Amino acid sequence: MKISVITAVYNAEDTITDAIESVLAQDYPDVELVVIDGNTGVRHELLSYW
């Protein structure tokens, strides 16, 4: 079974890296992470790392 984690962010450039790494560090093998940016506060280059 796939688990989906939806993270809505707004001006979260300072904290989004920790949030993404926290989700990806989980032991569950099939995780989908969806990040929804409500503003231009998160650079797309930052998200493209993952």
PDB file of N, CA and C in Angstrom:
ATOM      1  N   MET A   1       0.844  -1.171   0.000  1.00  0.00           N
ATOM      2  CA  MET A   1       0.000   0.000   0.000  1.00  0.00           C
ATOM      3  C   MET A   1       0.895   1.241   0.000  1.00  0.00           C
ATOM      4  N   LYS A   2       0.561   2.188  -0.829  1.00  0.00           N
ATOM      5  CA  LYS A   2       1.299   3.440  -0.912  1.00  0.00           C
ATOM      6  C   LYS A   2       0.726   4.446   0.080  1.00  0.00           C
ATOM      7  N   ILE A   3       1.624   5.155   0.730  1.00  0.00           N
ATOM      8  CA  ILE A   3       1.240   6.228   1.643  1.00  0.00           C
ATOM      9  C   ILE A   3       1.557   7.549   0.963  1.00  0.00           C
ATOM     10  N   SER A   4       0.607   8.451   0.925  1.00  0.00           N
ATOM     11  CA  SER A   4       0.817   9.781   0.359  1.00  0.00           C
ATOM     12  C   SER A   4       0.838  10.807   1.486  1.00  0.00           C
ATOM     13  N   VAL A   5       1.854  11.649   1.463  1.00  0.00           N
ATOM     14  CA  VAL A   5       1.975  12.736   2.422  1.00  0.00           C
ATOM     15  C   VAL A   5       1.863  14.029   1.626  1.00  0.00           C
ATOM     16  N   ILE A   6       0.886  14.845   1.973  1.00  0.00           N
ATOM     17  CA  ILE A   6       0.676  16.110   1.290  1.00  0.00           C
ATOM     18  C   ILE A   6       1.100  17.222   2.236  1.00  0.00           C
ATOM     19  N   THR A   7       2.046  18.028   1.778  1.00  0.00           N
ATOM     20  CA  THR A   7       2.571  19.122   2.587  1.00  0.00           C
ATOM     21  C   THR A   7       2.262  20.431   1.883  1.00  0.00           C
ATOM     22  N   ALA A   8       1.400  21.214   2.478  1.00  0.00           N
ATOM     23  CA  ALA A   8       1.099  22.543   1.938  1.00  0.00           C
ATOM     24  C   ALA A   8       2.039  23.544   2.606  1.00  0.00           C
ATOM     25  N   VAL A   9       2.702  24.353   1.796  1.00  0.00           N
ATOM     26  CA  VAL A   9       3.664  25.310   2.350  1.00  0.00           C
ATOM     27  C   VAL A   9       3.342  26.720   1.875  1.00  0.00           C
ATOM     28  N   TYR A  10       3.733  27.683   2.684  1.00  0.00           N
ATOM     29  CA  TYR A  10       3.568  29.091   2.356  1.00  0.00           C
ATOM     30  C   TYR A  10       4.749  29.833   2.956  1.00  0.00           C
ATOM     31  N   ASN A  11       5.599  30.367   2.104  1.00  0.00           N
ATOM     32  CA  ASN A  11       6.822  31.051   2.568  1.00  0.00           C
ATOM     33  C   ASN A  11       7.650  30.145   3.475  1.00  0.00           C
ATOM     34  N   ALA A  12       7.884  28.929   3.038  1.00  0.00           N
ATOM     35  CA  ALA A  12       8.527  27.928   3.901  1.00  0.00           C
ATOM     36  C   ALA A  12       9.936  27.555   3.461  1.00  0.00           C
ATOM     37  N   GLU A  13      10.601  28.427   2.754  1.00  0.00           N
ATOM     38  CA  GLU A  13      11.923  28.086   2.246  1.00  0.00           C
ATOM     39  C   GLU A  13      12.896  27.702   3.361  1.00  0.00           C
ATOM     40  N   ASP A  14      12.751  28.283   4.526  1.00  0.00           N
ATOM     41  CA  ASP A  14      13.656  27.987   5.640  1.00  0.00           C
ATOM     42  C   ASP A  14      13.391  26.630   6.285  1.00  0.00           C
ATOM     43  N   THR A  15      12.193  26.094   6.128  1.00  0.00           N
ATOM     44  CA  THR A  15      11.836  24.867   6.843  1.00  0.00           C
ATOM     45  C   THR A  15      11.487  23.684   5.941  1.00  0.00           C
ATOM     46  N   ILE A  16      11.316  23.908   4.649  1.00  0.00           N
ATOM     47  CA  ILE A  16      10.843  22.833   3.769  1.00  0.00           C
ATOM     48  C   ILE A  16      11.849  21.685   3.670  1.00  0.00           C
ATOM     49  N   THR A  17      13.142  21.992   3.709  1.00  0.00           N
ATOM     50  CA  THR A  17      14.148  20.933   3.629  1.00  0.00           C
ATOM     51  C   THR A  17      14.013  19.958   4.794  1.00  0.00           C
ATOM     52  N   ASP A  18      13.850  20.456   5.993  1.00  0.00           N
ATOM     53  CA  ASP A  18      13.677  19.582   7.158  1.00  0.00           C
ATOM     54  C   ASP A  18      12.399  18.767   7.055  1.00  0.00           C
ATOM     55  N   ALA A  19      11.334  19.381   6.562  1.00  0.00           N
ATOM     56  CA  ALA A  19      10.063  18.661   6.437  1.00  0.00           C
ATOM     57  C   ALA A  19      10.170  17.523   5.428  1.00  0.00           C
ATOM     58  N   ILE A  20      10.789  17.790   4.284  1.00  0.00           N
ATOM     59  CA  ILE A  20      10.949  16.752   3.256  1.00  0.00           C
ATOM     60  C   ILE A  20      11.839  15.628   3.764  1.00  0.00           C
ATOM     61  N   GLU A  21      12.960  15.978   4.365  1.00  0.00           N
ATOM     62  CA  GLU A  21      13.867  14.952   4.875  1.00  0.00           C
ATOM     63  C   GLU A  21      13.223  14.110   5.969  1.00  0.00           C
ATOM     64  N   SER A  22      12.366  14.715   6.767  1.00  0.00           N
ATOM     65  CA  SER A  22      11.664  13.972   7.806  1.00  0.00           C
ATOM     66  C   SER A  22      10.733  12.918   7.205  1.00  0.00           C
ATOM     67  N   VAL A  23      10.018  13.291   6.167  1.00  0.00           N
ATOM     68  CA  VAL A  23       9.113  12.332   5.516  1.00  0.00           C
ATOM     69  C   VAL A  23       9.917  11.215   4.853  1.00  0.00           C
ATOM     70  N   LEU A  24      10.978  11.578   4.146  1.00  0.00           N
ATOM     71  CA  LEU A  24      11.753  10.583   3.425  1.00  0.00           C
ATOM     72  C   LEU A  24      12.560   9.672   4.353  1.00  0.00           C
ATOM     73  N   ALA A  25      12.778  10.076   5.585  1.00  0.00           N
ATOM     74  CA  ALA A  25      13.525   9.264   6.539  1.00  0.00           C
ATOM     75  C   ALA A  25      12.677   8.166   7.180  1.00  0.00           C
ATOM     76  N   GLN A  26      11.400   8.150   6.906  1.00  0.00           N
ATOM     77  CA  GLN A  26      10.530   7.140   7.493  1.00  0.00           C
ATOM     78  C   GLN A  26      10.877   5.757   6.949  1.00  0.00           C
ATOM     79  N   ASP A  27      10.565   4.730   7.710  1.00  0.00           N
ATOM     80  CA  ASP A  27      10.903   3.360   7.335  1.00  0.00           C
ATOM     81  C   ASP A  27       9.942   2.742   6.322  1.00  0.00           C
ATOM     82  N   TYR A  28       8.802   3.356   6.135  1.00  0.00           N
ATOM     83  CA  TYR A  28       7.820   2.774   5.226  1.00  0.00           C
ATOM     84  C   TYR A  28       8.379   2.799   3.802  1.00  0.00           C
ATOM     85  N   PRO A  29       8.277   1.692   3.060  1.00  0.00           N
ATOM     86  CA  PRO A  29       8.967   1.586   1.769  1.00  0.00           C
ATOM     87  C   PRO A  29       8.327   2.326   0.597  1.00  0.00           C
ATOM     88  N   ASP A  30       7.057   2.608   0.645  1.00  0.00           N
ATOM     89  CA  ASP A  30       6.384   3.188  -0.526  1.00  0.00           C
ATOM     90  C   ASP A  30       5.684   4.485  -0.140  1.00  0.00           C
ATOM     91  N   VAL A  31       6.437   5.571  -0.145  1.00  0.00           N
ATOM     92  CA  VAL A  31       5.916   6.866   0.280  1.00  0.00           C
ATOM     93  C   VAL A  31       5.958   7.838  -0.895  1.00  0.00           C
ATOM     94  N   GLU A  32       4.868   8.522  -1.085  1.00  0.00           N
ATOM     95  CA  GLU A  32       4.775   9.576  -2.087  1.00  0.00           C
ATOM     96  C   GLU A  32       4.638  10.897  -1.334  1.00  0.00           C
ATOM     97  N   LEU A  33       5.463  11.873  -1.674  1.00  0.00           N
ATOM     98  CA  LEU A  33       5.401  13.174  -1.029  1.00  0.00           C
ATOM     99  C   LEU A  33       4.964  14.204  -2.058  1.00  0.00           C
ATOM    100  N   VAL A  34       3.907  14.923  -1.752  1.00  0.00           N
ATOM    101  CA  VAL A  34       3.397  15.980  -2.621  1.00  0.00           C
ATOM    102  C   VAL A  34       3.548  17.292  -1.868  1.00  0.00           C
ATOM    103  N   VAL A  35       4.276  18.239  -2.470  1.00  0.00           N
ATOM    104  CA  VAL A  35       4.467  19.548  -1.870  1.00  0.00           C
ATOM    105  C   VAL A  35       3.673  20.562  -2.671  1.00  0.00           C
ATOM    106  N   ILE A  36       2.777  21.255  -1.999  1.00  0.00           N
ATOM    107  CA  ILE A  36       1.954  22.274  -2.642  1.00  0.00           C
ATOM    108  C   ILE A  36       2.397  23.622  -2.107  1.00  0.00           C
ATOM    109  N   ASP A  37       2.917  24.448  -3.005  1.00  0.00           N
ATOM    110  CA  ASP A  37       3.435  25.757  -2.626  1.00  0.00           C
ATOM    111  C   ASP A  37       2.349  26.799  -2.841  1.00  0.00           C
ATOM    112  N   GLY A  38       1.894  27.419  -1.757  1.00  0.00           N
ATOM    113  CA  GLY A  38       0.846  28.426  -1.840  1.00  0.00           C
ATOM    114  C   GLY A  38       1.357  29.807  -2.188  1.00  0.00           C
ATOM    115  N   ASN A  39       2.657  29.921  -2.367  1.00  0.00           N
ATOM    116  CA  ASN A  39       3.272  31.207  -2.675  1.00  0.00           C
ATOM    117  C   ASN A  39       4.571  30.919  -3.406  1.00  0.00           C
ATOM    118  N   THR A  40       5.251  31.923  -3.827  1.00  0.00           N
ATOM    119  CA  THR A  40       6.533  31.710  -4.489  1.00  0.00           C
ATOM    120  C   THR A  40       7.667  31.650  -3.474  1.00  0.00           C
ATOM    121  N   GLY A  41       7.350  31.347  -2.232  1.00  0.00           N
ATOM    122  CA  GLY A  41       8.334  31.332  -1.164  1.00  0.00           C
ATOM    123  C   GLY A  41       9.285  30.155  -1.200  1.00  0.00           C
ATOM    124  N   VAL A  42       9.003  29.139  -2.021  1.00  0.00           N
ATOM    125  CA  VAL A  42       9.900  27.995  -2.134  1.00  0.00           C
ATOM    126  C   VAL A  42      10.426  27.964  -3.562  1.00  0.00           C
ATOM    127  N   ARG A  43      11.740  28.048  -3.696  1.00  0.00           N
ATOM    128  CA  ARG A  43      12.335  28.011  -5.034  1.00  0.00           C
ATOM    129  C   ARG A  43      12.199  26.611  -5.618  1.00  0.00           C
ATOM    130  N   HIS A  44      11.862  26.530  -6.877  1.00  0.00           N
ATOM    131  CA  HIS A  44      11.702  25.237  -7.523  1.00  0.00           C
ATOM    132  C   HIS A  44      13.037  24.478  -7.580  1.00  0.00           C
ATOM    133  N   GLU A  45      14.161  25.209  -7.628  1.00  0.00           N
ATOM    134  CA  GLU A  45      15.467  24.542  -7.620  1.00  0.00           C
ATOM    135  C   GLU A  45      15.662  23.782  -6.312  1.00  0.00           C
ATOM    136  N   LEU A  46      15.154  24.338  -5.228  1.00  0.00           N
ATOM    137  CA  LEU A  46      15.275  23.692  -3.928  1.00  0.00           C
ATOM    138  C   LEU A  46      14.509  22.369  -3.926  1.00  0.00           C
ATOM    139  N   LEU A  47      13.307  22.372  -4.467  1.00  0.00           N
ATOM    140  CA  LEU A  47      12.484  21.161  -4.484  1.00  0.00           C
ATOM    141  C   LEU A  47      12.989  20.136  -5.489  1.00  0.00           C
ATOM    142  N   SER A  48      13.618  20.582  -6.561  1.00  0.00           N
ATOM    143  CA  SER A  48      14.068  19.652  -7.588  1.00  0.00           C
ATOM    144  C   SER A  48      15.222  18.769  -7.112  1.00  0.00           C
ATOM    145  N   TYR A  49      15.830  19.094  -5.992  1.00  0.00           N
ATOM    146  CA  TYR A  49      16.893  18.260  -5.426  1.00  0.00           C
ATOM    147  C   TYR A  49      16.398  16.851  -5.171  1.00  0.00           C
ATOM    148  N   TRP A  50      15.166  16.716  -4.756  1.00  0.00           N
ATOM    149  CA  TRP A  50      14.602  15.407  -4.446  1.00  0.00           C
ATOM    150  C   TRP A  50      13.909  14.843  -5.649  1.00  0.00           C
TER     151      TRP A  50
END
